[in-house]
Amino acid sequence: MCTGAKSLDHVKTAIDIVAKQIGAAGIPVNKNPEIVVQNIVATSDLAAQIDLNAIAISLGGGKVEYEPEQFPGLVYRIDEPKVVVLLFGSGKLVCTGARKPSDVERAVEKITAELKAAGLLH
């Protein structure tokens, strides 16, 4: 997992570019804005096909939303860390809502452990 330092450099570069463009339009801009990470989106791969119907039944309990007619992924809400994980039948997942890279790592470890404990991931 990356530390995010390189990504933060990209964010700073993007902010500088946008700030220059806004400044060129005559709008005053804070030259050194505080950068606060609000949402990290990350992908991972469980390296195995998974049965979303079985997961919805086993891990339900208000944490899971699965409407395959509307969206091909299962939405799994984790309380700690407070993130949302989208799981796909291919075993790929998207984690969103994390505020630091370690939240993503913990979320992937947690969902992997829960799937293994339920016999849904080998």
N, C-alpha and C. Protein backbone atom coordinates (compact mmCIF):
# COMPACT_ATOMS: atom_id res chain seq x y z
N MET A 1 0.85 -1.16 0.00
CA MET A 1 0.00 0.00 0.00
C MET A 1 0.91 1.23 0.00
N CYS A 2 0.55 2.23 -0.75
CA CYS A 2 1.40 3.42 -0.82
C CYS A 2 1.14 4.32 0.39
N THR A 3 2.11 5.15 0.70
CA THR A 3 1.97 6.03 1.85
C THR A 3 1.14 7.25 1.52
N GLY A 4 0.96 7.52 0.25
CA GLY A 4 0.15 8.66 -0.13
C GLY A 4 0.96 9.92 -0.37
N ALA A 5 2.26 9.92 -0.06
CA ALA A 5 3.08 11.12 -0.22
C ALA A 5 3.14 11.55 -1.68
N LYS A 6 3.32 10.61 -2.58
CA LYS A 6 3.38 10.95 -4.00
C LYS A 6 2.03 11.49 -4.46
N SER A 7 0.94 10.87 -4.00
CA SER A 7 -0.40 11.34 -4.36
C SER A 7 -0.64 12.75 -3.85
N LEU A 8 -0.16 13.02 -2.63
CA LEU A 8 -0.32 14.35 -2.06
C LEU A 8 0.44 15.39 -2.89
N ASP A 9 1.60 15.01 -3.42
CA ASP A 9 2.34 15.90 -4.31
C ASP A 9 1.51 16.23 -5.55
N HIS A 10 0.83 15.22 -6.09
CA HIS A 10 -0.04 15.44 -7.25
C HIS A 10 -1.18 16.39 -6.91
N VAL A 11 -1.74 16.23 -5.72
CA VAL A 11 -2.83 17.11 -5.28
C VAL A 11 -2.32 18.55 -5.17
N LYS A 12 -1.16 18.73 -4.57
CA LYS A 12 -0.59 20.08 -4.45
C LYS A 12 -0.34 20.70 -5.82
N THR A 13 0.16 19.93 -6.76
CA THR A 13 0.39 20.43 -8.11
C THR A 13 -0.92 20.85 -8.76
N ALA A 14 -1.95 20.01 -8.62
CA ALA A 14 -3.26 20.33 -9.20
C ALA A 14 -3.84 21.60 -8.58
N ILE A 15 -3.71 21.74 -7.27
CA ILE A 15 -4.22 22.94 -6.59
C ILE A 15 -3.48 24.17 -7.09
N ASP A 16 -2.16 24.07 -7.25
CA ASP A 16 -1.37 25.20 -7.76
C ASP A 16 -1.85 25.63 -9.15
N ILE A 17 -2.10 24.65 -10.01
CA ILE A 17 -2.55 24.96 -11.37
C ILE A 17 -3.90 25.66 -11.34
N VAL A 18 -4.84 25.11 -10.58
CA VAL A 18 -6.18 25.70 -10.50
C VAL A 18 -6.11 27.09 -9.86
N ALA A 19 -5.30 27.24 -8.81
CA ALA A 19 -5.18 28.54 -8.14
C ALA A 19 -4.63 29.60 -9.10
N LYS A 20 -3.67 29.23 -9.94
CA LYS A 20 -3.12 30.17 -10.92
C LYS A 20 -4.18 30.57 -11.94
N GLN A 21 -4.98 29.62 -12.37
CA GLN A 21 -6.04 29.91 -13.33
C GLN A 21 -7.10 30.82 -12.73
N ILE A 22 -7.47 30.55 -11.50
CA ILE A 22 -8.46 31.39 -10.82
C ILE A 22 -7.88 32.79 -10.59
N GLY A 23 -6.62 32.84 -10.15
CA GLY A 23 -5.96 34.13 -9.95
C GLY A 23 -5.87 34.93 -11.24
N ALA A 24 -5.60 34.24 -12.36
CA ALA A 24 -5.52 34.91 -13.67
C ALA A 24 -6.86 35.50 -14.07
N ALA A 25 -7.95 34.96 -13.53
CA ALA A 25 -9.28 35.49 -13.82
C ALA A 25 -9.63 36.66 -12.91
N GLY A 26 -8.67 37.07 -12.06
CA GLY A 26 -8.89 38.23 -11.20
C GLY A 26 -9.55 37.93 -9.87
N ILE A 27 -9.63 36.68 -9.52
CA ILE A 27 -10.25 36.29 -8.24
C ILE A 27 -9.13 36.04 -7.23
N PRO A 28 -9.19 36.68 -6.07
CA PRO A 28 -8.15 36.47 -5.06
C PRO A 28 -8.14 35.02 -4.58
N VAL A 29 -6.91 34.48 -4.43
CA VAL A 29 -6.75 33.08 -4.04
C VAL A 29 -5.73 32.97 -2.92
N ASN A 30 -6.03 32.14 -1.93
CA ASN A 30 -5.08 31.84 -0.86
C ASN A 30 -3.95 31.03 -1.49
N LYS A 31 -2.74 31.51 -1.41
CA LYS A 31 -1.60 30.86 -2.08
C LYS A 31 -1.15 29.58 -1.37
N ASN A 32 -1.44 29.42 -0.09
CA ASN A 32 -1.02 28.24 0.66
C ASN A 32 -2.22 27.63 1.40
N PRO A 33 -3.15 27.04 0.66
CA PRO A 33 -4.33 26.49 1.34
C PRO A 33 -3.98 25.26 2.16
N GLU A 34 -4.73 25.04 3.22
CA GLU A 34 -4.57 23.83 4.01
C GLU A 34 -5.17 22.67 3.22
N ILE A 35 -4.45 21.58 3.10
CA ILE A 35 -4.94 20.42 2.38
C ILE A 35 -5.36 19.38 3.41
N VAL A 36 -6.62 18.98 3.32
CA VAL A 36 -7.16 17.99 4.24
C VAL A 36 -7.73 16.83 3.41
N VAL A 37 -7.25 15.63 3.66
CA VAL A 37 -7.77 14.47 2.96
C VAL A 37 -9.14 14.15 3.54
N GLN A 38 -10.15 14.14 2.68
CA GLN A 38 -11.52 13.89 3.11
C GLN A 38 -12.00 12.50 2.69
N ASN A 39 -11.45 11.99 1.59
CA ASN A 39 -11.96 10.75 1.03
C ASN A 39 -10.90 10.09 0.16
N ILE A 40 -10.51 8.89 0.52
CA ILE A 40 -9.59 8.10 -0.29
C ILE A 40 -10.42 7.02 -0.97
N VAL A 41 -10.21 6.84 -2.25
CA VAL A 41 -10.84 5.75 -3.00
C VAL A 41 -9.72 4.83 -3.46
N ALA A 42 -9.85 3.55 -3.16
CA ALA A 42 -8.79 2.60 -3.50
C ALA A 42 -9.42 1.31 -4.04
N THR A 43 -8.66 0.61 -4.86
CA THR A 43 -9.13 -0.67 -5.38
C THR A 43 -8.23 -1.78 -4.87
N SER A 44 -8.79 -2.98 -4.84
CA SER A 44 -8.03 -4.16 -4.45
C SER A 44 -8.63 -5.36 -5.17
N ASP A 45 -7.97 -6.49 -5.06
CA ASP A 45 -8.44 -7.70 -5.72
C ASP A 45 -8.25 -8.86 -4.75
N LEU A 46 -9.33 -9.58 -4.47
CA LEU A 46 -9.28 -10.72 -3.57
C LEU A 46 -8.70 -11.96 -4.25
N ALA A 47 -8.43 -11.85 -5.54
CA ALA A 47 -7.80 -12.92 -6.33
C ALA A 47 -8.64 -14.20 -6.39
N ALA A 48 -9.95 -14.05 -6.31
CA ALA A 48 -10.85 -15.19 -6.43
C ALA A 48 -12.25 -14.69 -6.76
N GLN A 49 -12.99 -15.48 -7.52
CA GLN A 49 -14.40 -15.17 -7.77
C GLN A 49 -15.15 -15.29 -6.45
N ILE A 50 -16.16 -14.44 -6.26
CA ILE A 50 -16.95 -14.52 -5.03
C ILE A 50 -18.44 -14.53 -5.39
N ASP A 51 -19.23 -15.16 -4.53
CA ASP A 51 -20.67 -15.29 -4.73
C ASP A 51 -21.37 -14.17 -3.95
N LEU A 52 -21.78 -13.14 -4.68
CA LEU A 52 -22.38 -11.98 -4.02
C LEU A 52 -23.71 -12.31 -3.34
N ASN A 53 -24.48 -13.23 -3.91
CA ASN A 53 -25.74 -13.63 -3.27
C ASN A 53 -25.46 -14.26 -1.91
N ALA A 54 -24.49 -15.15 -1.85
CA ALA A 54 -24.15 -15.81 -0.59
C ALA A 54 -23.63 -14.79 0.42
N ILE A 55 -22.85 -13.83 -0.05
CA ILE A 55 -22.32 -12.80 0.85
C ILE A 55 -23.46 -11.96 1.40
N ALA A 56 -24.40 -11.58 0.54
CA ALA A 56 -25.54 -10.77 0.98
C ALA A 56 -26.33 -11.48 2.07
N ILE A 57 -26.49 -12.79 1.92
CA ILE A 57 -27.23 -13.57 2.91
C ILE A 57 -26.42 -13.73 4.20
N SER A 58 -25.15 -14.07 4.07
CA SER A 58 -24.31 -14.35 5.25
C SER A 58 -23.94 -13.11 6.05
N LEU A 59 -23.61 -12.03 5.35
CA LEU A 59 -23.10 -10.84 6.04
C LEU A 59 -24.13 -9.73 6.17
N GLY A 60 -25.36 -9.99 5.79
CA GLY A 60 -26.43 -8.99 5.80
C GLY A 60 -26.48 -8.16 7.06
N GLY A 61 -27.58 -8.22 7.76
CA GLY A 61 -27.71 -7.51 9.03
C GLY A 61 -27.62 -6.01 8.93
N GLY A 62 -28.11 -5.43 7.86
CA GLY A 62 -28.11 -3.98 7.73
C GLY A 62 -26.84 -3.37 7.19
N LYS A 63 -25.78 -4.19 7.05
CA LYS A 63 -24.51 -3.68 6.55
C LYS A 63 -24.40 -3.82 5.03
N VAL A 64 -25.27 -4.64 4.44
CA VAL A 64 -25.12 -5.01 3.04
C VAL A 64 -26.32 -4.55 2.22
N GLU A 65 -26.02 -4.01 1.04
CA GLU A 65 -27.05 -3.71 0.05
C GLU A 65 -26.65 -4.43 -1.23
N TYR A 66 -27.56 -5.21 -1.76
CA TYR A 66 -27.27 -5.92 -3.01
C TYR A 66 -28.53 -5.97 -3.85
N GLU A 67 -28.54 -5.21 -4.91
CA GLU A 67 -29.64 -5.14 -5.87
C GLU A 67 -29.05 -5.38 -7.25
N PRO A 68 -28.78 -6.65 -7.62
CA PRO A 68 -28.09 -6.94 -8.87
C PRO A 68 -28.79 -6.41 -10.12
N GLU A 69 -30.10 -6.17 -10.04
CA GLU A 69 -30.82 -5.62 -11.18
C GLU A 69 -30.46 -4.15 -11.41
N GLN A 70 -30.03 -3.48 -10.34
CA GLN A 70 -29.72 -2.05 -10.42
C GLN A 70 -28.23 -1.76 -10.51
N PHE A 71 -27.41 -2.60 -9.86
CA PHE A 71 -25.96 -2.38 -9.80
C PHE A 71 -25.29 -3.73 -9.60
N PRO A 72 -24.24 -4.02 -10.38
CA PRO A 72 -23.63 -5.36 -10.32
C PRO A 72 -22.77 -5.63 -9.09
N GLY A 73 -22.59 -4.64 -8.23
CA GLY A 73 -21.76 -4.83 -7.05
C GLY A 73 -22.58 -4.87 -5.78
N LEU A 74 -21.97 -5.45 -4.76
CA LEU A 74 -22.56 -5.50 -3.44
C LEU A 74 -21.96 -4.36 -2.62
N VAL A 75 -22.80 -3.60 -1.95
CA VAL A 75 -22.35 -2.48 -1.13
C VAL A 75 -22.27 -2.97 0.31
N TYR A 76 -21.07 -2.90 0.89
CA TYR A 76 -20.85 -3.37 2.26
C TYR A 76 -20.33 -2.22 3.10
N ARG A 77 -21.08 -1.86 4.12
CA ARG A 77 -20.71 -0.74 4.99
C ARG A 77 -19.99 -1.27 6.23
N ILE A 78 -18.81 -0.73 6.47
CA ILE A 78 -18.02 -1.13 7.64
C ILE A 78 -18.02 0.03 8.63
N ASP A 79 -18.27 -0.28 9.89
CA ASP A 79 -18.33 0.77 10.91
C ASP A 79 -16.95 1.24 11.37
N GLU A 80 -16.00 0.30 11.45
CA GLU A 80 -14.66 0.67 11.92
C GLU A 80 -13.61 -0.07 11.11
N PRO A 81 -12.89 0.59 10.26
CA PRO A 81 -12.97 2.01 9.95
C PRO A 81 -14.26 2.32 9.17
N LYS A 82 -14.71 3.54 9.26
CA LYS A 82 -15.97 3.93 8.62
C LYS A 82 -15.73 4.12 7.13
N VAL A 83 -15.98 3.05 6.37
CA VAL A 83 -15.80 3.05 4.93
C VAL A 83 -16.92 2.25 4.28
N VAL A 84 -17.01 2.39 2.97
CA VAL A 84 -17.93 1.58 2.17
C VAL A 84 -17.07 0.79 1.19
N VAL A 85 -17.34 -0.51 1.10
CA VAL A 85 -16.61 -1.37 0.17
C VAL A 85 -17.62 -1.89 -0.85
N LEU A 86 -17.29 -1.71 -2.12
CA LEU A 86 -18.08 -2.28 -3.20
C LEU A 86 -17.39 -3.57 -3.62
N LEU A 87 -18.09 -4.67 -3.52
CA LEU A 87 -17.54 -5.98 -3.89
C LEU A 87 -18.17 -6.42 -5.21
N PHE A 88 -17.35 -6.99 -6.08
CA PHE A 88 -17.83 -7.49 -7.36
C PHE A 88 -17.56 -8.99 -7.46
N GLY A 89 -18.35 -9.70 -8.24
CA GLY A 89 -18.24 -11.13 -8.38
C GLY A 89 -16.86 -11.59 -8.83
N SER A 90 -16.14 -10.72 -9.52
CA SER A 90 -14.78 -11.04 -9.98
C SER A 90 -13.78 -11.10 -8.84
N GLY A 91 -14.19 -10.63 -7.65
CA GLY A 91 -13.27 -10.57 -6.52
C GLY A 91 -12.62 -9.20 -6.38
N LYS A 92 -12.88 -8.34 -7.33
CA LYS A 92 -12.33 -6.98 -7.23
C LYS A 92 -13.22 -6.18 -6.27
N LEU A 93 -12.60 -5.20 -5.63
CA LEU A 93 -13.36 -4.36 -4.72
C LEU A 93 -12.88 -2.92 -4.80
N VAL A 94 -13.76 -2.03 -4.40
CA VAL A 94 -13.45 -0.61 -4.33
C VAL A 94 -13.79 -0.17 -2.91
N CYS A 95 -12.84 0.48 -2.27
CA CYS A 95 -13.04 1.00 -0.91
C CYS A 95 -13.12 2.52 -1.02
N THR A 96 -14.15 3.10 -0.44
CA THR A 96 -14.31 4.55 -0.48
C THR A 96 -14.67 5.07 0.90
N GLY A 97 -14.31 6.32 1.14
CA GLY A 97 -14.64 6.95 2.41
C GLY A 97 -13.50 6.93 3.42
N ALA A 98 -12.41 6.28 3.09
CA ALA A 98 -11.27 6.24 4.01
C ALA A 98 -10.63 7.62 4.09
N ARG A 99 -10.04 7.91 5.23
CA ARG A 99 -9.36 9.20 5.40
C ARG A 99 -7.85 9.05 5.43
N LYS A 100 -7.39 7.80 5.55
CA LYS A 100 -5.94 7.56 5.51
C LYS A 100 -5.71 6.16 4.94
N PRO A 101 -4.56 5.93 4.33
CA PRO A 101 -4.29 4.63 3.71
C PRO A 101 -4.46 3.45 4.67
N SER A 102 -4.15 3.63 5.94
CA SER A 102 -4.30 2.51 6.88
C SER A 102 -5.76 2.11 7.05
N ASP A 103 -6.70 3.05 6.84
CA ASP A 103 -8.13 2.70 6.89
C ASP A 103 -8.47 1.72 5.77
N VAL A 104 -7.89 1.95 4.59
CA VAL A 104 -8.12 1.05 3.45
C VAL A 104 -7.56 -0.33 3.78
N GLU A 105 -6.35 -0.38 4.28
CA GLU A 105 -5.72 -1.66 4.63
C GLU A 105 -6.56 -2.42 5.65
N ARG A 106 -7.02 -1.73 6.68
CA ARG A 106 -7.83 -2.37 7.72
C ARG A 106 -9.15 -2.88 7.16
N ALA A 107 -9.77 -2.09 6.28
CA ALA A 107 -11.05 -2.48 5.69
C ALA A 107 -10.90 -3.74 4.84
N VAL A 108 -9.86 -3.79 4.01
CA VAL A 108 -9.63 -4.96 3.15
C VAL A 108 -9.31 -6.18 4.01
N GLU A 109 -8.51 -6.00 5.05
CA GLU A 109 -8.21 -7.11 5.96
C GLU A 109 -9.48 -7.61 6.64
N LYS A 110 -10.33 -6.67 7.05
CA LYS A 110 -11.56 -7.03 7.76
C LYS A 110 -12.52 -7.79 6.85
N ILE A 111 -12.75 -7.29 5.64
CA ILE A 111 -13.69 -7.97 4.74
C ILE A 111 -13.14 -9.33 4.33
N THR A 112 -11.83 -9.42 4.12
CA THR A 112 -11.21 -10.70 3.77
C THR A 112 -11.40 -11.71 4.91
N ALA A 113 -11.17 -11.28 6.14
CA ALA A 113 -11.33 -12.17 7.30
C ALA A 113 -12.79 -12.61 7.45
N GLU A 114 -13.72 -11.69 7.27
CA GLU A 114 -15.14 -12.03 7.41
C GLU A 114 -15.58 -13.02 6.33
N LEU A 115 -15.11 -12.82 5.10
CA LEU A 115 -15.46 -13.74 4.02
C LEU A 115 -14.87 -15.11 4.25
N LYS A 116 -13.63 -15.16 4.72
CA LYS A 116 -12.99 -16.46 5.02
C LYS A 116 -13.72 -17.16 6.17
N ALA A 117 -14.06 -16.41 7.21
CA ALA A 117 -14.74 -17.00 8.38
C ALA A 117 -16.10 -17.58 7.99
N ALA A 118 -16.76 -16.94 7.00
CA ALA A 118 -18.07 -17.43 6.55
C ALA A 118 -17.94 -18.50 5.48
N GLY A 119 -16.70 -18.87 5.13
CA GLY A 119 -16.48 -19.89 4.11
C GLY A 119 -16.77 -19.41 2.70
N LEU A 120 -16.73 -18.10 2.50
CA LEU A 120 -17.06 -17.51 1.20
C LEU A 120 -15.84 -17.10 0.39
N LEU A 121 -14.67 -17.26 0.98
CA LEU A 121 -13.42 -16.95 0.29
C LEU A 121 -12.39 -17.95 0.76
N HIS A 122 -11.71 -18.58 -0.17
CA HIS A 122 -10.75 -19.62 0.19
C HIS A 122 -9.34 -19.16 -0.07
